[in-house]
Every structure is written in structure tokens, then in C-alpha cells.
């Protein structure tokens, strides 16, 4: 199989699609101003080709911040694209669509992946989607786009998740995630006074959450939203730690990008040597896949901001491109199998 990536910094879809012929699946990553127009134009350019799309930055060896990017798979893949609607209330109502698509592509664990673009309510979405994928042990990689909108097969949806199934006829697939954080000291908190709907943490160990965070890290209220790049929270999930980014300060509470419930156990995390972690990820992929056709990844917006601030983003993309054809989305939350993660990278590698 092959992966195509095309882009246009000024939002010219035809420029981004120049040279793309006979695609078997298209992933559209557009800007908020042109998203609807790009969805319609893409369908005209490639009628009846399965596609999903969202609002977000994209990349290969360079980042497209405000234009349009297209990733396409071709030459040896079986694909299907569709959508689950009403994700804030009853996404399970549409699960038959995914079950039928899994049968259509004859999905199997070794050679099939599900890629999703979500408009929100990620935790519920992943629980629902994975209920269908689990039976066949199909891995998943995806992320949240901006603007509360996604597209599937030429149509725009709100309150939905668009998904694509990709079966690699020429080899295996495998998904990975990368965590550049580790626990800071022995800090451990019990969350309380949470608001699940607003992803709010009111108290940590019975004390106002904002004050606890400030007192430990010696930061002002204004510095909290940048400090979370270096010191997010971590939620214990079995043997794994899910990263939880701080979104905003609300009084003495902290609003996050991921839901926290009363009695959840949280850790305070700190940034590690991320350049070394990236090298370890690349080496692991090289060991697992001596031959690679393509890699599609989702990098968190906060990672993008951190890497850019440190002057590392361009070097990061160059290092990843050494693996072969690499493209991806800058997301507002990352998906790895049934996990909704923050400040991370998830990716799928095609043999």
C-alpha cells in the first residue's frame, strides 16, 4: 500500500490533491473557514471514494497551520468510512454501521485499523466504538478536531464521530502511543467536587484544586495554562497513566480536557527528556517493522505548542520522516484503542 500527503497553505484543495489519482480512502484536515467548502469540493473531485474529515492542522515534514492537508491511502487497501451520530447522548444507536463495515472489509487484528475523527464526548465515543472493535481485536487511532464538526463521505455532521477502516492487503498494522511525562515526586491526589459535564476538578485531597497546583509548582494563576505543558495531571487506569491537561481556571477549580470523577486517583506529572523518548519510539517501530509502507499519527495541540516553543517541531517531523511516509493531524485529544489521552501522540504503522 501507499500513503499520499498533499497540502496547501492557502487552502487550495486542488493544489493539495495535485497528483492524487485512484485513492481508496481520503482523510481531510481543513481550517474552520473553508471546512464545509472543502468537504463538498473533495466529494466532487473524488466521488464515491470513502472519506472522513475534520478541522485541524496537518503535517508531513512541515505543518499546515491554516490551510488544508490531505492524507490518502491507495494501492492495496480495503476501506470503509462512516459516522456514528448523537455522540453526546446515544452513539450506540448507530453501532450497526460499524459492525457492518467491519464485515465488509473482512477486518482482522493483524492487518486492519480504525482511524477516527471526533467532534467531542470522546470517552463515550471510544467506549461505544471499541465495543464493536473488541470482538475482532481491531486497533484504533484517532483524535478530536476543532469546531464540533466532522465529515464522512461528503457530508458534514455535528455531535458525531467519523471513522475509517483500513485493511492493509500487503502486511500488518500496529498502533503505538508515546508518553513524554512521568510522575513528579510522590504526589497523589483524590479528586472531589468534580463536574463531569464540564470536566472540572474542584478539590484535590480536600483542598481547592487551583491552590494545590499553584502551591506545589510555585506558579501564578496566569501561568497555570502554560505550566500544564510541563506538569499535567495523570489519572491511574490499571497499569497505565492517562494524561489530563488543564484547559482553564474557573474560580478555585481547574477545568480539564478530559473527564475526572469524584474519588479518581490523580498524580502530578512532569516533562521528561522528550527527544530521547521520540528516539526510543522510532527505534521500537523500526524493530517491529523493518519494512514500512506508511505511518499516520495524531499529535496533541499541546505537544505541538511545546515542541514549537522549544524549537523542536521541525526536527521532530524530520526524525519521524526517517521511518518513511509519515503524515498526521494535530488534535485536541488523542485516541489509542479505547483510551482517550491528552498531551500524547498515537499512531498506526502499516507494513
Protein backbone atom coordinates (compact mmCIF):
# COMPACT_ATOMS: atom_id res chain seq x y z
CA UNK A 1 0.00 0.00 0.00
CA UNK A 2 0.98 3.64 -0.37
CA UNK A 3 0.25 6.83 1.51
CA UNK A 4 -0.16 10.19 -0.20
CA UNK A 5 0.07 13.55 1.54
CA UNK A 6 -0.67 16.85 -0.13
CA UNK A 7 -1.14 20.31 1.33
CA UNK A 8 -1.92 23.91 0.52
CA UNK A 9 -1.07 26.67 2.96
CA UNK A 10 -3.65 29.00 1.40
CA UNK A 11 -6.45 26.43 1.45
CA UNK A 12 -6.47 25.45 -2.22
CA UNK A 13 -7.86 21.91 -2.18
CA UNK A 14 -6.95 21.22 -5.80
CA UNK A 15 -3.34 22.11 -5.02
CA UNK A 16 -3.37 19.72 -2.05
CA UNK A 17 -4.79 16.95 -4.26
CA UNK A 18 -2.46 17.54 -7.19
CA UNK A 19 -1.10 14.21 -8.41
CA UNK A 20 -3.54 12.10 -6.39
CA UNK A 21 -5.29 9.54 -8.56
CA UNK A 22 -7.35 6.49 -7.70
CA UNK A 23 -7.32 6.92 -3.89
CA UNK A 24 -9.07 4.25 -1.86
CA UNK A 25 -9.52 6.42 1.25
CA UNK A 26 -9.04 10.14 1.93
CA UNK A 27 -8.51 11.90 5.27
CA UNK A 28 -9.27 15.64 5.06
CA UNK A 29 -7.79 18.11 7.58
CA UNK A 30 -9.04 21.62 6.91
CA UNK A 31 -9.49 25.03 8.53
CA UNK A 32 -12.64 26.36 10.17
CA UNK A 33 -13.31 28.95 7.47
CA UNK A 34 -13.18 26.56 4.50
CA UNK A 35 -14.12 23.20 6.00
CA UNK A 36 -17.62 22.95 4.54
CA UNK A 37 -16.45 24.07 1.09
CA UNK A 38 -13.54 21.63 1.17
CA UNK A 39 -15.82 18.72 2.06
CA UNK A 40 -18.07 19.48 -0.90
CA UNK A 41 -15.17 20.03 -3.30
CA UNK A 42 -13.44 16.83 -2.22
CA UNK A 43 -16.58 14.83 -2.97
CA UNK A 44 -16.75 16.38 -6.45
CA UNK A 45 -13.08 15.64 -7.14
CA UNK A 46 -13.30 12.04 -5.88
CA UNK A 47 -16.95 10.95 -5.97
CA UNK A 48 -17.77 7.74 -4.12
CA UNK A 49 -14.27 7.48 -2.59
CA UNK A 50 -14.61 6.83 1.17
CA UNK A 51 -13.50 9.87 3.18
CA UNK A 52 -13.54 11.39 6.64
CA UNK A 53 -12.56 14.90 7.65
CA UNK A 54 -12.20 17.36 10.49
CA UNK A 55 -10.97 20.85 11.31
CA UNK A 56 -7.33 20.80 12.36
CA UNK A 57 -3.71 21.33 11.44
CA UNK A 58 -1.91 18.62 9.49
CA UNK A 59 1.67 17.71 8.70
CA UNK A 60 4.19 15.55 6.93
CA UNK A 61 7.68 17.09 7.09
CA UNK A 62 6.04 20.50 7.59
CA UNK A 63 2.98 21.71 9.47
CA UNK A 64 -0.02 23.22 7.69
CA UNK A 65 -1.44 25.60 10.29
CA UNK A 66 -4.26 27.34 8.46
CA UNK A 67 -4.72 25.75 5.05
CA UNK A 68 -5.67 22.23 4.07
CA UNK A 69 -3.99 18.84 4.13
CA UNK A 70 -4.99 15.53 2.56
CA UNK A 71 -3.77 12.08 3.53
CA UNK A 72 -4.84 9.29 1.18
CA UNK A 73 -4.27 5.53 1.13
CA UNK A 74 -4.07 3.65 -2.14
CA UNK A 75 -2.65 0.60 -3.93
CA UNK A 76 -3.58 -2.35 -1.82
CA UNK A 77 -6.07 -1.42 0.87
CA UNK A 78 -9.71 -2.23 1.52
CA UNK A 79 -11.57 0.62 3.17
CA UNK A 80 -14.89 1.82 4.53
CA UNK A 81 -15.88 5.19 6.02
CA UNK A 82 -18.94 6.12 8.03
CA UNK A 83 -20.21 8.06 11.04
CA UNK A 84 -21.82 7.47 14.42
CA UNK A 85 -24.19 10.29 15.31
CA UNK A 86 -25.59 11.70 18.58
CA UNK A 87 -22.33 11.00 20.40
CA UNK A 88 -23.33 13.20 23.35
CA UNK A 89 -26.36 11.03 24.06
CA UNK A 90 -26.76 7.67 22.29
CA UNK A 91 -23.94 6.83 19.83
CA UNK A 92 -24.66 3.13 20.37
CA UNK A 93 -27.83 3.65 18.33
CA UNK A 94 -25.62 3.67 15.21
CA UNK A 95 -23.18 0.89 16.11
CA UNK A 96 -24.64 -1.43 13.44
CA UNK A 97 -22.97 0.75 10.83
CA UNK A 98 -19.54 -0.04 12.23
CA UNK A 99 -20.34 -3.72 12.65
CA UNK A 100 -21.44 -3.95 9.02
CA UNK A 101 -18.34 -2.09 7.81
CA UNK A 102 -16.09 -4.45 9.77
CA UNK A 103 -17.71 -7.35 7.94
CA UNK A 104 -17.49 -5.56 4.59
CA UNK A 105 -13.70 -5.13 4.76
CA UNK A 106 -13.25 -8.54 6.43
CA UNK A 107 -11.38 -6.83 9.26
CA UNK A 108 -8.80 -8.75 11.27
CA UNK A 109 -6.45 -7.85 14.10
CA UNK A 110 -3.23 -8.28 12.17
CA UNK A 111 -3.98 -6.08 9.15
CA UNK A 112 -6.86 -3.67 9.94
CA UNK A 113 -7.04 -0.39 11.84
CA UNK A 114 -9.84 2.04 12.67
CA UNK A 115 -8.97 5.75 12.31
CA UNK A 116 -11.46 8.19 13.83
CA UNK A 117 -12.05 11.95 13.84
CA UNK A 118 -14.29 13.00 16.71
CA UNK A 119 -16.38 16.11 17.37
CA UNK A 120 -16.41 15.64 21.16
CA UNK A 121 -17.53 13.47 24.08
CA UNK A 122 -14.51 11.30 23.37
CA UNK A 123 -14.70 8.94 26.34
CA UNK A 124 -18.25 7.86 25.49
CA UNK A 125 -17.35 7.61 21.80
CA UNK A 126 -14.41 5.32 22.44
CA UNK A 127 -16.38 3.07 24.77
CA UNK A 128 -19.04 2.70 22.08
CA UNK A 129 -16.71 2.25 19.11
CA UNK A 130 -14.49 -0.18 20.93
CA UNK A 131 -17.46 -2.33 21.89
CA UNK A 132 -17.61 -3.29 18.21
CA UNK A 133 -13.86 -3.38 17.57
CA UNK A 134 -13.12 -5.53 20.61
CA UNK A 135 -14.69 -8.67 19.19
CA UNK A 136 -12.19 -8.70 16.31
CA UNK A 137 -9.41 -7.02 18.34
CA UNK A 138 -9.15 -4.20 15.82
CA UNK A 139 -6.82 -1.39 16.98
CA UNK A 140 -7.83 2.26 16.85
CA UNK A 141 -6.01 5.57 16.41
CA UNK A 142 -7.69 8.96 16.18
CA UNK A 143 -8.32 12.35 17.67
CA UNK A 144 -10.63 15.27 18.22
CA UNK A 145 -10.98 18.02 15.64
CA UNK A 146 -11.94 21.65 16.20
CA UNK A 147 -15.29 23.35 15.77
CA UNK A 148 -17.52 20.46 16.84
CA UNK A 149 -17.80 19.20 13.25
CA UNK A 150 -16.60 16.19 11.26
CA UNK A 151 -17.31 14.89 7.79
CA UNK A 152 -17.88 11.47 6.27
CA UNK A 153 -18.30 10.69 2.58
CA UNK A 154 -19.03 14.27 1.57
CA UNK A 155 -21.46 15.16 4.37
CA UNK A 156 -20.91 17.35 7.44
CA UNK A 157 -22.01 16.19 10.88
CA UNK A 158 -22.13 17.76 14.31
CA UNK A 159 -22.18 15.76 17.55
CA UNK A 160 -20.65 12.81 15.72
CA UNK A 161 -17.58 10.69 15.19
CA UNK A 162 -16.37 9.88 11.68
CA UNK A 163 -14.40 6.68 11.29
CA UNK A 164 -12.48 4.88 8.58
CA UNK A 165 -11.49 1.23 8.45
CA UNK A 166 -8.25 0.47 6.60
CA UNK A 167 -7.27 -3.12 5.80
CA UNK A 168 -3.70 -3.46 4.60
CA UNK A 169 -3.57 -6.19 1.96
CA UNK A 170 0.24 -6.16 1.86
CA UNK A 171 1.09 -6.66 5.52
CA UNK A 172 0.48 -5.96 9.17
CA UNK A 173 -0.69 -2.89 11.07
CA UNK A 174 0.12 -1.88 14.63
CA UNK A 175 -0.75 1.11 16.80
CA UNK A 176 1.53 2.93 19.23
CA UNK A 177 1.27 5.74 21.75
CA UNK A 178 4.01 7.95 23.13
CA UNK A 179 4.08 9.45 26.63
CA UNK A 180 6.74 12.07 27.35
CA UNK A 181 5.74 12.51 31.02
CA UNK A 182 6.49 10.66 34.24
CA UNK A 183 5.30 11.04 37.88
CA UNK A 184 6.67 14.03 39.78
CA UNK A 185 7.72 13.06 43.27
CA UNK A 186 5.16 11.13 45.31
CA UNK A 187 2.25 13.49 44.79
CA UNK A 188 -1.04 11.59 44.77
CA UNK A 189 -4.49 13.18 44.97
CA UNK A 190 -8.08 12.11 45.44
CA UNK A 191 -10.34 14.25 43.26
CA UNK A 192 -13.62 15.60 44.64
CA UNK A 193 -16.21 18.29 43.92
CA UNK A 194 -15.90 17.38 40.26
CA UNK A 195 -18.28 18.37 37.49
CA UNK A 196 -18.30 15.56 34.93
CA UNK A 197 -20.18 17.58 32.33
CA UNK A 198 -17.67 20.45 32.47
CA UNK A 199 -14.58 18.26 33.09
CA UNK A 200 -13.98 20.25 36.28
CA UNK A 201 -11.84 19.38 39.31
CA UNK A 202 -12.99 21.29 42.37
CA UNK A 203 -10.77 19.81 45.07
CA UNK A 204 -7.67 17.68 45.48
CA UNK A 205 -7.28 15.93 48.82
CA UNK A 206 -9.99 18.22 50.15
CA UNK A 207 -8.21 21.45 49.16
CA UNK A 208 -9.10 23.82 46.29
CA UNK A 209 -7.57 22.33 43.15
CA UNK A 210 -6.15 25.62 41.84
CA UNK A 211 -4.35 26.36 45.10
CA UNK A 212 -2.92 22.85 45.34
CA UNK A 213 -1.46 23.12 41.83
CA UNK A 214 -0.10 26.62 42.47
CA UNK A 215 1.44 25.80 45.85
CA UNK A 216 3.34 22.76 44.57
CA UNK A 217 4.67 24.35 41.37
CA UNK A 218 5.06 27.93 42.68
CA UNK A 219 3.20 29.47 39.76
CA UNK A 220 0.73 32.33 39.45
CA UNK A 221 -2.82 31.78 38.26
CA UNK A 222 -1.86 33.28 34.90
CA UNK A 223 0.96 30.75 34.49
CA UNK A 224 -1.18 27.63 35.08
CA UNK A 225 -2.27 27.24 31.45
CA UNK A 226 1.32 27.17 30.19
CA UNK A 227 2.65 25.20 33.16
CA UNK A 228 0.36 22.31 32.19
CA UNK A 229 2.64 21.76 29.16
CA UNK A 230 5.30 20.66 31.65
CA UNK A 231 3.12 19.46 34.54
CA UNK A 232 -0.22 17.90 33.59
CA UNK A 233 -2.13 15.55 35.83
CA UNK A 234 -2.16 11.80 35.34
CA UNK A 235 -5.11 9.52 36.01
CA UNK A 236 -4.36 5.95 37.06
CA UNK A 237 -6.01 3.46 34.72
CA UNK A 238 -4.90 -0.04 35.67
CA UNK A 239 -1.18 -0.24 34.97
CA UNK A 240 -1.27 2.85 32.75
CA UNK A 241 -1.45 6.58 33.42
CA UNK A 242 -3.71 8.73 31.25
CA UNK A 243 -2.52 12.32 30.86
CA UNK A 244 -5.02 15.05 31.78
CA UNK A 245 -4.31 18.59 30.53
CA UNK A 246 -5.62 21.71 32.25
CA UNK A 247 -7.88 23.73 29.97
CA UNK A 248 -8.75 26.75 32.08
CA UNK A 249 -9.06 28.14 35.59
CA UNK A 250 -12.59 28.58 36.92
CA UNK A 251 -12.59 30.23 40.33
CA UNK A 252 -10.73 27.80 42.59
CA UNK A 253 -11.42 24.90 40.23
CA UNK A 254 -9.48 23.57 37.25
CA UNK A 255 -11.29 22.67 34.02
CA UNK A 256 -9.55 19.91 32.07
CA UNK A 257 -9.62 18.40 28.59
CA UNK A 258 -10.57 15.01 29.99
CA UNK A 259 -13.27 13.96 32.42
CA UNK A 260 -12.34 13.49 36.06
CA UNK A 261 -14.75 11.88 38.54
CA UNK A 262 -15.07 12.03 42.29
CA UNK A 263 -12.64 9.60 44.00
CA UNK A 264 -10.39 9.33 40.90
CA UNK A 265 -6.74 8.96 41.89
CA UNK A 266 -4.57 11.57 40.19
CA UNK A 267 -0.81 12.02 40.01
CA UNK A 268 1.18 15.13 39.21
CA UNK A 269 3.37 14.53 36.16
CA UNK A 270 6.48 16.26 34.86
CA UNK A 271 8.04 16.51 31.42
CA UNK A 272 10.85 14.07 30.75
CA UNK A 273 13.56 14.04 28.09
CA UNK A 274 11.13 14.03 25.19
CA UNK A 275 13.77 13.96 22.47
CA UNK A 276 15.09 10.71 23.92
CA UNK A 277 11.54 9.33 24.18
CA UNK A 278 10.92 10.11 20.49
CA UNK A 279 14.11 8.27 19.54
CA UNK A 280 13.00 5.25 21.58
CA UNK A 281 9.62 5.23 19.82
CA UNK A 282 11.29 5.37 16.40
CA UNK A 283 13.66 2.56 17.32
CA UNK A 284 10.79 0.39 18.56
CA UNK A 285 8.87 0.92 15.31
CA UNK A 286 12.00 0.05 13.32
CA UNK A 287 12.43 -3.17 15.29
CA UNK A 288 8.79 -4.15 14.90
CA UNK A 289 8.58 -3.16 11.23
CA UNK A 290 11.82 -3.49 9.26
CA UNK A 291 9.75 -2.53 6.22
CA UNK A 292 7.14 0.23 6.48
CA UNK A 293 4.65 1.50 3.91
CA UNK A 294 3.16 4.38 5.87
CA UNK A 295 2.61 5.96 9.27
CA UNK A 296 -0.36 8.12 10.25
CA UNK A 297 -0.18 9.88 13.62
CA UNK A 298 -2.14 12.25 15.83
CA UNK A 299 -0.11 14.71 17.88
CA UNK A 300 -1.70 16.76 20.65
CA UNK A 301 -2.02 20.51 20.17
CA UNK A 302 -0.13 20.96 23.46
CA UNK A 303 2.76 18.83 22.18
CA UNK A 304 2.80 20.94 19.04
CA UNK A 305 2.94 24.12 21.15
CA UNK A 306 5.62 22.70 23.45
CA UNK A 307 7.79 21.41 20.59
CA UNK A 308 7.36 24.68 18.67
CA UNK A 309 8.24 26.79 21.72
CA UNK A 310 11.39 24.73 22.22
CA UNK A 311 12.33 24.89 18.51
CA UNK A 312 11.97 21.12 18.15
CA UNK A 313 8.87 20.66 16.00
CA UNK A 314 10.66 20.72 12.64
CA UNK A 315 13.35 18.36 13.87
CA UNK A 316 10.66 16.04 15.25
CA UNK A 317 8.93 15.79 11.88
CA UNK A 318 12.24 15.16 10.14
CA UNK A 319 13.08 12.38 12.61
CA UNK A 320 9.68 10.74 12.08
CA UNK A 321 10.03 11.03 8.29
CA UNK A 322 13.14 8.84 8.52
CA UNK A 323 10.68 5.97 9.11
CA UNK A 324 9.16 6.57 5.68
CA UNK A 325 5.92 8.21 4.57
CA UNK A 326 4.59 9.95 7.70
CA UNK A 327 1.63 12.31 7.96
CA UNK A 328 -0.87 13.27 10.59
CA UNK A 329 -3.25 15.53 12.47
CA UNK A 330 -2.70 17.98 15.31
CA UNK A 331 -5.59 17.01 17.58
CA UNK A 332 -7.38 18.34 20.65
CA UNK A 333 -7.26 14.91 22.28
CA UNK A 334 -5.78 11.64 21.11
CA UNK A 335 -7.30 8.17 20.85
CA UNK A 336 -5.43 4.93 21.36
CA UNK A 337 -7.60 1.81 21.25
CA UNK A 338 -10.22 2.51 23.93
CA UNK A 339 -8.20 5.25 25.68
CA UNK A 340 -8.82 8.99 25.45
CA UNK A 341 -5.45 10.61 26.16
CA UNK A 342 -4.04 14.17 26.30
CA UNK A 343 -0.63 15.69 25.53
CA UNK A 344 0.37 12.49 23.75
CA UNK A 345 1.00 11.01 20.32
CA UNK A 346 -0.76 7.97 18.89
CA UNK A 347 -0.02 6.46 15.52
CA UNK A 348 -0.63 3.49 13.24
CA UNK A 349 2.18 1.85 11.28
CA UNK A 350 1.46 -0.04 8.06
CA UNK A 351 3.86 -2.74 6.92
